[in-house]
C-alpha cells in the first residue's frame, strides 16, 4: 500500500508518514521508523526531529526502554494524533488506542517483534526490487468463523498481522501478490496453545457460512468458504519464532510439527504453513530456504512460498 501523502495538517511529509505508520502499528521504535521511512538517510537525526515535532504538537508520545545499555525510544499516537490521522480518511480506522501503561506493559515486546517481522519484509523487498511498504501489513484483524469442534460458538481468529507482498520477476515480467497470516511467537505461550492457533487457522480455512436455519454439515457442499470473500487465495501462514536461543527455537519447531501432525483438522486442511525464526528472516530474507513446513518433511525450504500466488503482469 503506497503512502497516503496527507495526514495531520501543518506537518512535513516525513512527519505525516511517521504519523501514519505509528497509527497503523500502534507502538514502534525510532530505529524501526528509520528503517521503514528514511532508510536512504545514513543517520536518523532528521527523522528524530520530525518525531519531536509530532510530540510538540501533542500528536505523539514516547517512552524509553533500555536495550544493550542504551535507551531506545518507542512512539505511539495520542488521542489527538490518532483522530487527526482518522480525519483524513486514507487509512482504515483502528479503534485501539495506546497508552503509557500499555506501552510499558507486557505486550510491548510482542508488538515490537511483530513490527520487526514487517520491517524484515520491507527491507528485503527494497533490496530485491519487490514491493512491500510500511503500510502493507495490518495488525490484529479479526476473522470470524465457526468450528465443528466447538458447536454453537462464534469464534474469532486474530492473526498478529496480515501482510501483503508483491514479488516481481523482472525477467519473466511477472508480478505475484503474496498474502501472509503472520503469527509471532516469543516462547511466552505453551506449545499446546500455539498448536491450538494452527487448529484455528485450519478451522477458518474450512469454514463455510450457512444460510439462517441451516446447520447441517451436509448442506455445505457448493457454498463459498468465508475466506474467499476477503482473499483471492488463502494466505500462507508464517509463524515467526524469537525470544530464545536458536537451539530452544529448533526444539519448539519440532514440537509444533509433532502436534500439528496429530491434529486431523489441520492435517486435512491443505494449508501452506511454514515456521522460521526472526533472525533468519532478517538475515537471509523471505526467499531463502529458511521455512520449515509445519507438515511434511522437516527440511527447510522456500518452495511453499513461491507458488500459488495471485499473478499479474
C-alpha atoms as a PDB file:
ATOM      1  CA  UNK A   1       0.000   0.000   0.000  1.00  0.00           C
ATOM      2  CA  UNK A   2       1.583   3.321  -1.031  1.00  0.00           C
ATOM      3  CA  UNK A   3       1.845   6.194   1.337  1.00  0.00           C
ATOM      4  CA  UNK A   4      -1.158   8.450   1.564  1.00  0.00           C
ATOM      5  CA  UNK A   5       0.560  11.812   1.200  1.00  0.00           C
ATOM      6  CA  UNK A   6      -1.712  13.531   3.625  1.00  0.00           C
ATOM      7  CA  UNK A   7      -2.043  13.498   7.356  1.00  0.00           C
ATOM      8  CA  UNK A   8      -2.230  15.853  10.292  1.00  0.00           C
ATOM      9  CA  UNK A   9      -2.126  19.347   8.867  1.00  0.00           C
ATOM     10  CA  UNK A  10       0.854  21.655   9.178  1.00  0.00           C
ATOM     11  CA  UNK A  11       3.441  18.857   9.121  1.00  0.00           C
ATOM     12  CA  UNK A  12       6.144  17.946   6.647  1.00  0.00           C
ATOM     13  CA  UNK A  13       5.902  14.815   4.527  1.00  0.00           C
ATOM     14  CA  UNK A  14       8.179  12.708   6.745  1.00  0.00           C
ATOM     15  CA  UNK A  15       6.229  13.678   9.866  1.00  0.00           C
ATOM     16  CA  UNK A  16       2.968  12.812   8.101  1.00  0.00           C
ATOM     17  CA  UNK A  17       4.327   9.444   7.012  1.00  0.00           C
ATOM     18  CA  UNK A  18       5.566   8.764  10.535  1.00  0.00           C
ATOM     19  CA  UNK A  19       2.128   9.561  11.957  1.00  0.00           C
ATOM     20  CA  UNK A  20       0.504   7.106   9.533  1.00  0.00           C
ATOM     21  CA  UNK A  21       2.961   4.323  10.295  1.00  0.00           C
ATOM     22  CA  UNK A  22       2.697   4.819  14.059  1.00  0.00           C
ATOM     23  CA  UNK A  23      -1.100   4.828  13.796  1.00  0.00           C
ATOM     24  CA  UNK A  24      -1.116   1.597  11.791  1.00  0.00           C
ATOM     25  CA  UNK A  25       1.281  -0.302  14.043  1.00  0.00           C
ATOM     26  CA  UNK A  26       0.424   1.306  17.415  1.00  0.00           C
ATOM     27  CA  UNK A  27       3.887   1.170  19.036  1.00  0.00           C
ATOM     28  CA  UNK A  28       7.165   1.392  17.155  1.00  0.00           C
ATOM     29  CA  UNK A  29      10.782   2.320  17.871  1.00  0.00           C
ATOM     30  CA  UNK A  30      12.769   5.151  16.338  1.00  0.00           C
ATOM     31  CA  UNK A  31      15.073   2.607  14.686  1.00  0.00           C
ATOM     32  CA  UNK A  32      12.159   0.753  13.122  1.00  0.00           C
ATOM     33  CA  UNK A  33      10.665   4.003  11.831  1.00  0.00           C
ATOM     34  CA  UNK A  34      14.050   4.937  10.392  1.00  0.00           C
ATOM     35  CA  UNK A  35      14.328   1.612   8.546  1.00  0.00           C
ATOM     36  CA  UNK A  36      10.801   1.951   7.204  1.00  0.00           C
ATOM     37  CA  UNK A  37      10.619   5.646   6.298  1.00  0.00           C
ATOM     38  CA  UNK A  38      14.134   7.101   5.885  1.00  0.00           C
ATOM     39  CA  UNK A  39      16.466   4.190   5.043  1.00  0.00           C
ATOM     40  CA  UNK A  40      18.187   6.397   2.462  1.00  0.00           C
ATOM     41  CA  UNK A  41      19.477   8.587   5.305  1.00  0.00           C
ATOM     42  CA  UNK A  42      22.626   7.245   6.964  1.00  0.00           C
ATOM     43  CA  UNK A  43      21.531   8.588  10.325  1.00  0.00           C
ATOM     44  CA  UNK A  44      18.115   9.061  11.885  1.00  0.00           C
ATOM     45  CA  UNK A  45      18.612  12.657  13.040  1.00  0.00           C
ATOM     46  CA  UNK A  46      16.147  14.222  10.581  1.00  0.00           C
ATOM     47  CA  UNK A  47      13.503  11.629  11.451  1.00  0.00           C
ATOM     48  CA  UNK A  48      14.054  12.269  15.171  1.00  0.00           C
ATOM     49  CA  UNK A  49      13.397  15.976  14.632  1.00  0.00           C
ATOM     50  CA  UNK A  50      10.150  15.156  12.833  1.00  0.00           C
ATOM     51  CA  UNK A  51       9.068  12.855  15.633  1.00  0.00           C
ATOM     52  CA  UNK A  52       9.726  15.549  18.202  1.00  0.00           C
ATOM     53  CA  UNK A  53       7.636  17.909  16.036  1.00  0.00           C
ATOM     54  CA  UNK A  54       4.769  15.434  16.361  1.00  0.00           C
ATOM     55  CA  UNK A  55       5.287  15.335  20.110  1.00  0.00           C
ATOM     56  CA  UNK A  56       5.359  19.120  20.494  1.00  0.00           C
ATOM     57  CA  UNK A  57       2.105  19.308  18.551  1.00  0.00           C
ATOM     58  CA  UNK A  58       0.515  16.878  21.004  1.00  0.00           C
ATOM     59  CA  UNK A  59       0.097  14.225  18.311  1.00  0.00           C
ATOM     60  CA  UNK A  60       2.588  11.629  19.564  1.00  0.00           C
ATOM     61  CA  UNK A  61       4.169  10.463  22.785  1.00  0.00           C
ATOM     62  CA  UNK A  62       7.170   8.373  23.655  1.00  0.00           C
ATOM     63  CA  UNK A  63       8.608   6.119  26.294  1.00  0.00           C
ATOM     64  CA  UNK A  64      12.150   4.862  26.704  1.00  0.00           C
ATOM     65  CA  UNK A  65      13.388   1.341  27.191  1.00  0.00           C
ATOM     66  CA  UNK A  66      16.937   0.164  27.754  1.00  0.00           C
ATOM     67  CA  UNK A  67      18.458  -2.050  25.060  1.00  0.00           C
ATOM     68  CA  UNK A  68      22.098  -3.187  25.233  1.00  0.00           C
ATOM     69  CA  UNK A  69      22.908  -0.421  27.686  1.00  0.00           C
ATOM     70  CA  UNK A  70      21.308   2.348  25.605  1.00  0.00           C
ATOM     71  CA  UNK A  71      17.888   3.979  25.747  1.00  0.00           C
ATOM     72  CA  UNK A  72      15.630   3.306  22.765  1.00  0.00           C
ATOM     73  CA  UNK A  73      12.559   5.486  22.263  1.00  0.00           C
ATOM     74  CA  UNK A  74       9.191   3.915  21.468  1.00  0.00           C
ATOM     75  CA  UNK A  75       6.468   6.045  19.870  1.00  0.00           C
ATOM     76  CA  UNK A  76       2.689   5.998  19.787  1.00  0.00           C
ATOM     77  CA  UNK A  77      -0.006   8.468  18.790  1.00  0.00           C
ATOM     78  CA  UNK A  78      -2.052  10.350  21.331  1.00  0.00           C
ATOM     79  CA  UNK A  79      -5.815  10.500  21.037  1.00  0.00           C
ATOM     80  CA  UNK A  80      -5.375  13.809  19.217  1.00  0.00           C
ATOM     81  CA  UNK A  81      -2.855  12.277  16.826  1.00  0.00           C
ATOM     82  CA  UNK A  82      -4.995   9.223  16.100  1.00  0.00           C
ATOM     83  CA  UNK A  83      -8.037  11.429  15.490  1.00  0.00           C
ATOM     84  CA  UNK A  84      -6.001  13.583  13.107  1.00  0.00           C
ATOM     85  CA  UNK A  85      -4.973  10.578  11.026  1.00  0.00           C
ATOM     86  CA  UNK A  86      -8.522   9.217  11.013  1.00  0.00           C
ATOM     87  CA  UNK A  87      -9.950  12.575   9.936  1.00  0.00           C
ATOM     88  CA  UNK A  88      -8.014  12.360   6.666  1.00  0.00           C
ATOM     89  CA  UNK A  89      -9.730   9.037   5.906  1.00  0.00           C
ATOM     90  CA  UNK A  90      -6.887   7.412   3.960  1.00  0.00           C
ATOM     91  CA  UNK A  91      -6.223   4.545   6.364  1.00  0.00           C
ATOM     92  CA  UNK A  92      -8.716   2.051   7.780  1.00  0.00           C
ATOM     93  CA  UNK A  93      -9.814   3.244  11.203  1.00  0.00           C
ATOM     94  CA  UNK A  94      -8.394   1.323  14.139  1.00  0.00           C
ATOM     95  CA  UNK A  95     -10.278   1.671  17.438  1.00  0.00           C
ATOM     96  CA  UNK A  96      -7.248   0.653  19.518  1.00  0.00           C
ATOM     97  CA  UNK A  97      -5.564   3.469  21.448  1.00  0.00           C
ATOM     98  CA  UNK A  98      -2.132   3.132  23.011  1.00  0.00           C
ATOM     99  CA  UNK A  99      -1.440   4.479  26.487  1.00  0.00           C
ATOM    100  CA  UNK A 100       1.729   4.933  28.563  1.00  0.00           C
ATOM    101  CA  UNK A 101       0.671   1.944  30.663  1.00  0.00           C
ATOM    102  CA  UNK A 102       0.179  -0.269  27.591  1.00  0.00           C
ATOM    103  CA  UNK A 103       3.419   0.972  26.009  1.00  0.00           C
ATOM    104  CA  UNK A 104       5.295  -0.191  29.113  1.00  0.00           C
ATOM    105  CA  UNK A 105       3.157  -3.282  29.613  1.00  0.00           C
ATOM    106  CA  UNK A 106       3.661  -6.984  28.925  1.00  0.00           C
ATOM    107  CA  UNK A 107       2.619  -6.736  25.242  1.00  0.00           C
ATOM    108  CA  UNK A 108       5.401  -4.264  24.415  1.00  0.00           C
ATOM    109  CA  UNK A 109       7.916  -6.863  23.240  1.00  0.00           C
ATOM    110  CA  UNK A 110       5.352  -8.809  21.234  1.00  0.00           C
ATOM    111  CA  UNK A 111       4.143  -5.667  19.447  1.00  0.00           C
ATOM    112  CA  UNK A 112       7.704  -4.657  18.589  1.00  0.00           C
ATOM    113  CA  UNK A 113       8.547  -8.180  17.388  1.00  0.00           C
ATOM    114  CA  UNK A 114       5.550  -8.092  15.044  1.00  0.00           C
ATOM    115  CA  UNK A 115       6.737  -4.748  13.669  1.00  0.00           C
ATOM    116  CA  UNK A 116      10.247  -6.202  13.307  1.00  0.00           C
ATOM    117  CA  UNK A 117       8.822  -9.013  11.177  1.00  0.00           C
ATOM    118  CA  UNK A 118       7.221  -6.442   8.883  1.00  0.00           C
ATOM    119  CA  UNK A 119      10.468  -4.450   8.784  1.00  0.00           C
ATOM    120  CA  UNK A 120      12.272  -7.573   7.536  1.00  0.00           C
ATOM    121  CA  UNK A 121       9.840  -7.951   4.632  1.00  0.00           C
ATOM    122  CA  UNK A 122      10.100  -4.252   3.733  1.00  0.00           C
ATOM    123  CA  UNK A 123      13.888  -4.340   3.888  1.00  0.00           C
ATOM    124  CA  UNK A 124      14.170  -7.384   1.626  1.00  0.00           C
ATOM    125  CA  UNK A 125      11.560  -6.063  -0.804  1.00  0.00           C
ATOM    126  CA  UNK A 126      13.689  -2.941  -1.162  1.00  0.00           C
ATOM    127  CA  UNK A 127      16.835  -4.989  -1.775  1.00  0.00           C
ATOM    128  CA  UNK A 128      15.208  -7.357  -4.279  1.00  0.00           C
ATOM    129  CA  UNK A 129      13.168  -4.815  -6.228  1.00  0.00           C
ATOM    130  CA  UNK A 130       9.857  -6.171  -4.956  1.00  0.00           C
ATOM    131  CA  UNK A 131       7.002  -4.208  -3.382  1.00  0.00           C
ATOM    132  CA  UNK A 132       6.209  -4.143   0.323  1.00  0.00           C
ATOM    133  CA  UNK A 133       5.896  -0.896   2.246  1.00  0.00           C
ATOM    134  CA  UNK A 134       5.408   0.262   5.840  1.00  0.00           C
ATOM    135  CA  UNK A 135       1.624   0.173   5.497  1.00  0.00           C
ATOM    136  CA  UNK A 136       1.417  -3.203   3.773  1.00  0.00           C
ATOM    137  CA  UNK A 137       0.683  -5.150   6.929  1.00  0.00           C
ATOM    138  CA  UNK A 138      -2.190  -4.692   9.333  1.00  0.00           C
ATOM    139  CA  UNK A 139      -2.005  -5.944  12.918  1.00  0.00           C
ATOM    140  CA  UNK A 140      -4.767  -7.896  14.626  1.00  0.00           C
ATOM    141  CA  UNK A 141      -7.591  -8.037  12.103  1.00  0.00           C
ATOM    142  CA  UNK A 142     -10.455 -10.263  13.231  1.00  0.00           C
ATOM    143  CA  UNK A 143     -11.678 -13.159  11.061  1.00  0.00           C
ATOM    144  CA  UNK A 144     -14.923 -14.709  12.292  1.00  0.00           C
ATOM    145  CA  UNK A 145     -15.698 -18.410  11.913  1.00  0.00           C
ATOM    146  CA  UNK A 146     -17.264 -21.483  13.482  1.00  0.00           C
ATOM    147  CA  UNK A 147     -15.572 -24.744  14.403  1.00  0.00           C
ATOM    148  CA  UNK A 148     -17.265 -28.156  14.366  1.00  0.00           C
ATOM    149  CA  UNK A 149     -15.257 -29.000  17.482  1.00  0.00           C
ATOM    150  CA  UNK A 150     -16.989 -26.147  19.338  1.00  0.00           C
ATOM    151  CA  UNK A 151     -20.592 -26.160  18.085  1.00  0.00           C
ATOM    152  CA  UNK A 152     -22.702 -23.098  18.699  1.00  0.00           C
ATOM    153  CA  UNK A 153     -19.793 -20.753  19.435  1.00  0.00           C
ATOM    154  CA  UNK A 154     -18.976 -17.651  17.421  1.00  0.00           C
ATOM    155  CA  UNK A 155     -15.177 -17.673  17.176  1.00  0.00           C
ATOM    156  CA  UNK A 156     -12.671 -15.063  16.129  1.00  0.00           C
ATOM    157  CA  UNK A 157      -9.257 -15.696  14.579  1.00  0.00           C
ATOM    158  CA  UNK A 158      -6.955 -12.679  15.047  1.00  0.00           C
ATOM    159  CA  UNK A 159      -3.568 -13.002  13.293  1.00  0.00           C
ATOM    160  CA  UNK A 160      -0.756 -10.893  14.686  1.00  0.00           C
ATOM    161  CA  UNK A 161      -0.640  -9.340  11.217  1.00  0.00           C
ATOM    162  CA  UNK A 162      -1.898  -9.802   7.663  1.00  0.00           C
ATOM    163  CA  UNK A 163       0.879  -8.826   5.268  1.00  0.00           C
ATOM    164  CA  UNK A 164       0.781  -8.207   1.503  1.00  0.00           C
ATOM    165  CA  UNK A 165       3.902  -8.576  -0.641  1.00  0.00           C
ATOM    166  CA  UNK A 166       4.325  -8.208  -4.411  1.00  0.00           C
ATOM    167  CA  UNK A 167       7.042 -10.465  -5.792  1.00  0.00           C
ATOM    168  CA  UNK A 168       8.384  -9.130  -9.092  1.00  0.00           C
ATOM    169  CA  UNK A 169      10.197 -11.332 -11.594  1.00  0.00           C
ATOM    170  CA  UNK A 170      11.698  -8.783 -13.993  1.00  0.00           C
ATOM    171  CA  UNK A 171      12.988 -11.425 -16.395  1.00  0.00           C
ATOM    172  CA  UNK A 172       9.620 -13.127 -16.745  1.00  0.00           C
ATOM    173  CA  UNK A 173       7.757  -9.793 -16.478  1.00  0.00           C
ATOM    174  CA  UNK A 174       5.585 -11.373 -13.819  1.00  0.00           C
ATOM    175  CA  UNK A 175       4.206  -9.819 -10.641  1.00  0.00           C
ATOM    176  CA  UNK A 176       2.742 -12.087  -7.964  1.00  0.00           C
ATOM    177  CA  UNK A 177       0.756 -10.953  -4.941  1.00  0.00           C
ATOM    178  CA  UNK A 178       1.588 -12.958  -1.839  1.00  0.00           C
ATOM    179  CA  UNK A 179      -0.525 -12.618   1.285  1.00  0.00           C
ATOM    180  CA  UNK A 180       0.586 -13.898   4.696  1.00  0.00           C
ATOM    181  CA  UNK A 181      -1.027 -14.563   8.003  1.00  0.00           C
ATOM    182  CA  UNK A 182       1.764 -13.701  10.444  1.00  0.00           C
ATOM    183  CA  UNK A 183       1.974 -15.260  13.890  1.00  0.00           C
ATOM    184  CA  UNK A 184       4.848 -14.125  16.111  1.00  0.00           C
ATOM    185  CA  UNK A 185       5.824 -16.391  18.997  1.00  0.00           C
ATOM    186  CA  UNK A 186       8.230 -15.166  21.677  1.00  0.00           C
ATOM    187  CA  UNK A 187       8.048 -18.508  23.534  1.00  0.00           C
ATOM    188  CA  UNK A 188       5.727 -16.910  26.097  1.00  0.00           C
ATOM    189  CA  UNK A 189       2.824 -19.308  25.479  1.00  0.00           C
ATOM    190  CA  UNK A 190       2.794 -23.066  25.810  1.00  0.00           C
ATOM    191  CA  UNK A 191       3.441 -25.135  22.709  1.00  0.00           C
ATOM    192  CA  UNK A 192      -0.058 -26.623  23.122  1.00  0.00           C
ATOM    193  CA  UNK A 193      -1.578 -23.139  22.894  1.00  0.00           C
ATOM    194  CA  UNK A 194       0.483 -22.429  19.789  1.00  0.00           C
ATOM    195  CA  UNK A 195      -0.810 -25.645  18.233  1.00  0.00           C
ATOM    196  CA  UNK A 196      -4.358 -24.509  19.047  1.00  0.00           C
ATOM    197  CA  UNK A 197      -3.695 -21.461  16.886  1.00  0.00           C
ATOM    198  CA  UNK A 198      -2.812 -23.758  13.997  1.00  0.00           C
ATOM    199  CA  UNK A 199      -6.123 -25.546  14.546  1.00  0.00           C
ATOM    200  CA  UNK A 200      -7.968 -22.205  14.466  1.00  0.00           C
ATOM    201  CA  UNK A 201      -6.435 -21.344  11.089  1.00  0.00           C
ATOM    202  CA  UNK A 202      -7.459 -24.729   9.695  1.00  0.00           C
ATOM    203  CA  UNK A 203     -10.996 -24.278  11.024  1.00  0.00           C
ATOM    204  CA  UNK A 204     -11.223 -20.831   9.448  1.00  0.00           C
ATOM    205  CA  UNK A 205      -9.879 -22.268   6.174  1.00  0.00           C
ATOM    206  CA  UNK A 206     -12.743 -24.766   6.011  1.00  0.00           C
ATOM    207  CA  UNK A 207     -15.486 -22.540   7.448  1.00  0.00           C
ATOM    208  CA  UNK A 208     -18.410 -22.076   5.087  1.00  0.00           C
ATOM    209  CA  UNK A 209     -21.216 -19.777   6.328  1.00  0.00           C
ATOM    210  CA  UNK A 210     -24.667 -21.292   6.166  1.00  0.00           C
ATOM    211  CA  UNK A 211     -27.996 -19.608   5.485  1.00  0.00           C
ATOM    212  CA  UNK A 212     -30.049 -18.955   8.590  1.00  0.00           C
ATOM    213  CA  UNK A 213     -31.646 -22.125   9.884  1.00  0.00           C
ATOM    214  CA  UNK A 214     -29.297 -24.481   8.075  1.00  0.00           C
ATOM    215  CA  UNK A 215     -26.726 -26.032  10.344  1.00  0.00           C
ATOM    216  CA  UNK A 216     -26.484 -29.467   8.712  1.00  0.00           C
ATOM    217  CA  UNK A 217     -22.895 -30.158   7.687  1.00  0.00           C
ATOM    218  CA  UNK A 218     -24.136 -31.960   4.552  1.00  0.00           C
ATOM    219  CA  UNK A 219     -25.603 -28.684   3.260  1.00  0.00           C
ATOM    220  CA  UNK A 220     -22.156 -27.066   2.954  1.00  0.00           C
ATOM    221  CA  UNK A 221     -21.433 -28.601  -0.434  1.00  0.00           C
ATOM    222  CA  UNK A 222     -21.099 -25.984  -3.139  1.00  0.00           C
ATOM    223  CA  UNK A 223     -21.125 -22.977  -0.831  1.00  0.00           C
ATOM    224  CA  UNK A 224     -18.307 -20.412  -0.668  1.00  0.00           C
ATOM    225  CA  UNK A 225     -15.782 -20.519   2.195  1.00  0.00           C
ATOM    226  CA  UNK A 226     -15.765 -17.330   4.239  1.00  0.00           C
ATOM    227  CA  UNK A 227     -12.147 -16.523   3.416  1.00  0.00           C
ATOM    228  CA  UNK A 228     -12.916 -16.177  -0.308  1.00  0.00           C
ATOM    229  CA  UNK A 229     -14.886 -13.016   0.443  1.00  0.00           C
ATOM    230  CA  UNK A 230     -11.639 -11.410   1.689  1.00  0.00           C
ATOM    231  CA  UNK A 231      -8.772 -13.018  -0.213  1.00  0.00           C
ATOM    232  CA  UNK A 232      -8.258 -14.181  -3.818  1.00  0.00           C
ATOM    233  CA  UNK A 233      -6.155 -17.070  -2.458  1.00  0.00           C
ATOM    234  CA  UNK A 234      -5.909 -18.350   1.086  1.00  0.00           C
ATOM    235  CA  UNK A 235      -2.959 -16.571   2.748  1.00  0.00           C
ATOM    236  CA  UNK A 236       0.134 -18.539   3.617  1.00  0.00           C
ATOM    237  CA  UNK A 237       0.588 -18.951   7.356  1.00  0.00           C
ATOM    238  CA  UNK A 238       4.023 -17.842   8.523  1.00  0.00           C
ATOM    239  CA  UNK A 239       4.977 -18.460  12.127  1.00  0.00           C
ATOM    240  CA  UNK A 240       7.973 -16.412  13.267  1.00  0.00           C
ATOM    241  CA  UNK A 241       9.763 -17.519  16.432  1.00  0.00           C
ATOM    242  CA  UNK A 242      12.010 -15.327  18.553  1.00  0.00           C
ATOM    243  CA  UNK A 243      12.864 -14.588  22.183  1.00  0.00           C
ATOM    244  CA  UNK A 244      15.040 -17.631  22.909  1.00  0.00           C
ATOM    245  CA  UNK A 245      18.222 -19.381  21.789  1.00  0.00           C
ATOM    246  CA  UNK A 246      18.332 -20.990  18.344  1.00  0.00           C
ATOM    247  CA  UNK A 247      18.563 -24.432  19.972  1.00  0.00           C
ATOM    248  CA  UNK A 248      15.418 -23.835  22.007  1.00  0.00           C
ATOM    249  CA  UNK A 249      13.575 -22.466  18.974  1.00  0.00           C
ATOM    250  CA  UNK A 250      14.569 -25.535  16.962  1.00  0.00           C
ATOM    251  CA  UNK A 251      13.085 -27.774  19.666  1.00  0.00           C
ATOM    252  CA  UNK A 252       9.943 -25.661  19.660  1.00  0.00           C
ATOM    253  CA  UNK A 253       9.597 -26.059  15.903  1.00  0.00           C
ATOM    254  CA  UNK A 254       9.931 -29.846  16.224  1.00  0.00           C
ATOM    255  CA  UNK A 255       7.303 -29.956  18.990  1.00  0.00           C
ATOM    256  CA  UNK A 256       4.935 -27.757  16.971  1.00  0.00           C
ATOM    257  CA  UNK A 257       5.271 -30.016  13.922  1.00  0.00           C
ATOM    258  CA  UNK A 258       4.509 -33.049  16.049  1.00  0.00           C
ATOM    259  CA  UNK A 259       1.331 -31.535  17.485  1.00  0.00           C
ATOM    260  CA  UNK A 260       0.220 -30.264  14.074  1.00  0.00           C
ATOM    261  CA  UNK A 261       0.610 -33.722  12.541  1.00  0.00           C
ATOM    262  CA  UNK A 262      -1.674 -35.156  15.245  1.00  0.00           C
ATOM    263  CA  UNK A 263      -4.460 -32.640  14.511  1.00  0.00           C
ATOM    264  CA  UNK A 264      -6.735 -34.140  11.831  1.00  0.00           C
ATOM    265  CA  UNK A 265      -8.354 -30.761  11.091  1.00  0.00           C
ATOM    266  CA  UNK A 266      -5.022 -29.129  10.361  1.00  0.00           C
ATOM    267  CA  UNK A 267      -3.594 -32.154   8.532  1.00  0.00           C
ATOM    268  CA  UNK A 268      -6.595 -32.275   6.188  1.00  0.00           C
ATOM    269  CA  UNK A 269      -6.695 -28.532   5.515  1.00  0.00           C
ATOM    270  CA  UNK A 270      -4.052 -28.412   2.776  1.00  0.00           C
ATOM    271  CA  UNK A 271      -2.894 -25.053   4.120  1.00  0.00           C
ATOM    272  CA  UNK A 272       0.539 -23.706   3.287  1.00  0.00           C
ATOM    273  CA  UNK A 273       2.208 -23.110   6.627  1.00  0.00           C
ATOM    274  CA  UNK A 274       5.853 -22.614   7.497  1.00  0.00           C
ATOM    275  CA  UNK A 275       7.819 -21.690  10.582  1.00  0.00           C
ATOM    276  CA  UNK A 276      11.116 -19.820  10.850  1.00  0.00           C
ATOM    277  CA  UNK A 277      12.980 -17.575  13.255  1.00  0.00           C
ATOM    278  CA  UNK A 278      13.033 -13.809  13.199  1.00  0.00           C
ATOM    279  CA  UNK A 279      16.827 -13.778  12.979  1.00  0.00           C
ATOM    280  CA  UNK A 280      16.787 -15.953   9.849  1.00  0.00           C
ATOM    281  CA  UNK A 281      14.080 -13.818   8.274  1.00  0.00           C
ATOM    282  CA  UNK A 282      16.066 -10.646   8.893  1.00  0.00           C
ATOM    283  CA  UNK A 283      19.466 -12.034   7.932  1.00  0.00           C
ATOM    284  CA  UNK A 284      18.612 -14.204   4.929  1.00  0.00           C
ATOM    285  CA  UNK A 285      15.297 -12.851   3.669  1.00  0.00           C
ATOM    286  CA  UNK A 286      11.951 -14.475   2.853  1.00  0.00           C
ATOM    287  CA  UNK A 287      13.054 -16.099  -0.418  1.00  0.00           C
ATOM    288  CA  UNK A 288      15.733 -18.363   1.005  1.00  0.00           C
ATOM    289  CA  UNK A 289      15.234 -21.877   2.323  1.00  0.00           C
ATOM    290  CA  UNK A 290      14.539 -20.780   5.888  1.00  0.00           C
ATOM    291  CA  UNK A 291      10.991 -22.092   6.329  1.00  0.00           C
ATOM    292  CA  UNK A 292      10.350 -25.444   7.951  1.00  0.00           C
ATOM    293  CA  UNK A 293       6.990 -26.759   6.716  1.00  0.00           C
ATOM    294  CA  UNK A 294       4.583 -27.345   9.572  1.00  0.00           C
ATOM    295  CA  UNK A 295       3.523 -30.585   7.855  1.00  0.00           C
ATOM    296  CA  UNK A 296       5.629 -32.974   5.813  1.00  0.00           C
ATOM    297  CA  UNK A 297       9.431 -33.217   5.541  1.00  0.00           C
ATOM    298  CA  UNK A 298      11.324 -31.205   8.134  1.00  0.00           C
ATOM    299  CA  UNK A 299      13.898 -29.837   5.687  1.00  0.00           C
ATOM    300  CA  UNK A 300      13.822 -26.024   5.430  1.00  0.00           C
ATOM    301  CA  UNK A 301      12.516 -24.880   2.055  1.00  0.00           C
ATOM    302  CA  UNK A 302      11.268 -21.878   0.104  1.00  0.00           C
ATOM    303  CA  UNK A 303       9.042 -23.858  -2.279  1.00  0.00           C
ATOM    304  CA  UNK A 304       5.849 -23.346  -0.278  1.00  0.00           C
ATOM    305  CA  UNK A 305       6.426 -19.583  -0.505  1.00  0.00           C
ATOM    306  CA  UNK A 306       6.944 -19.220  -4.234  1.00  0.00           C
ATOM    307  CA  UNK A 307       3.925 -20.924  -5.741  1.00  0.00           C
ATOM    308  CA  UNK A 308       0.175 -20.358  -5.830  1.00  0.00           C
ATOM    309  CA  UNK A 309       0.198 -16.576  -5.527  1.00  0.00           C
ATOM    310  CA  UNK A 310      -2.101 -14.263  -7.449  1.00  0.00           C
ATOM    311  CA  UNK A 311      -0.294 -13.323 -10.633  1.00  0.00           C
ATOM    312  CA  UNK A 312      -0.423 -10.336 -12.914  1.00  0.00           C
ATOM    313  CA  UNK A 313       1.737  -8.584 -15.477  1.00  0.00           C
END
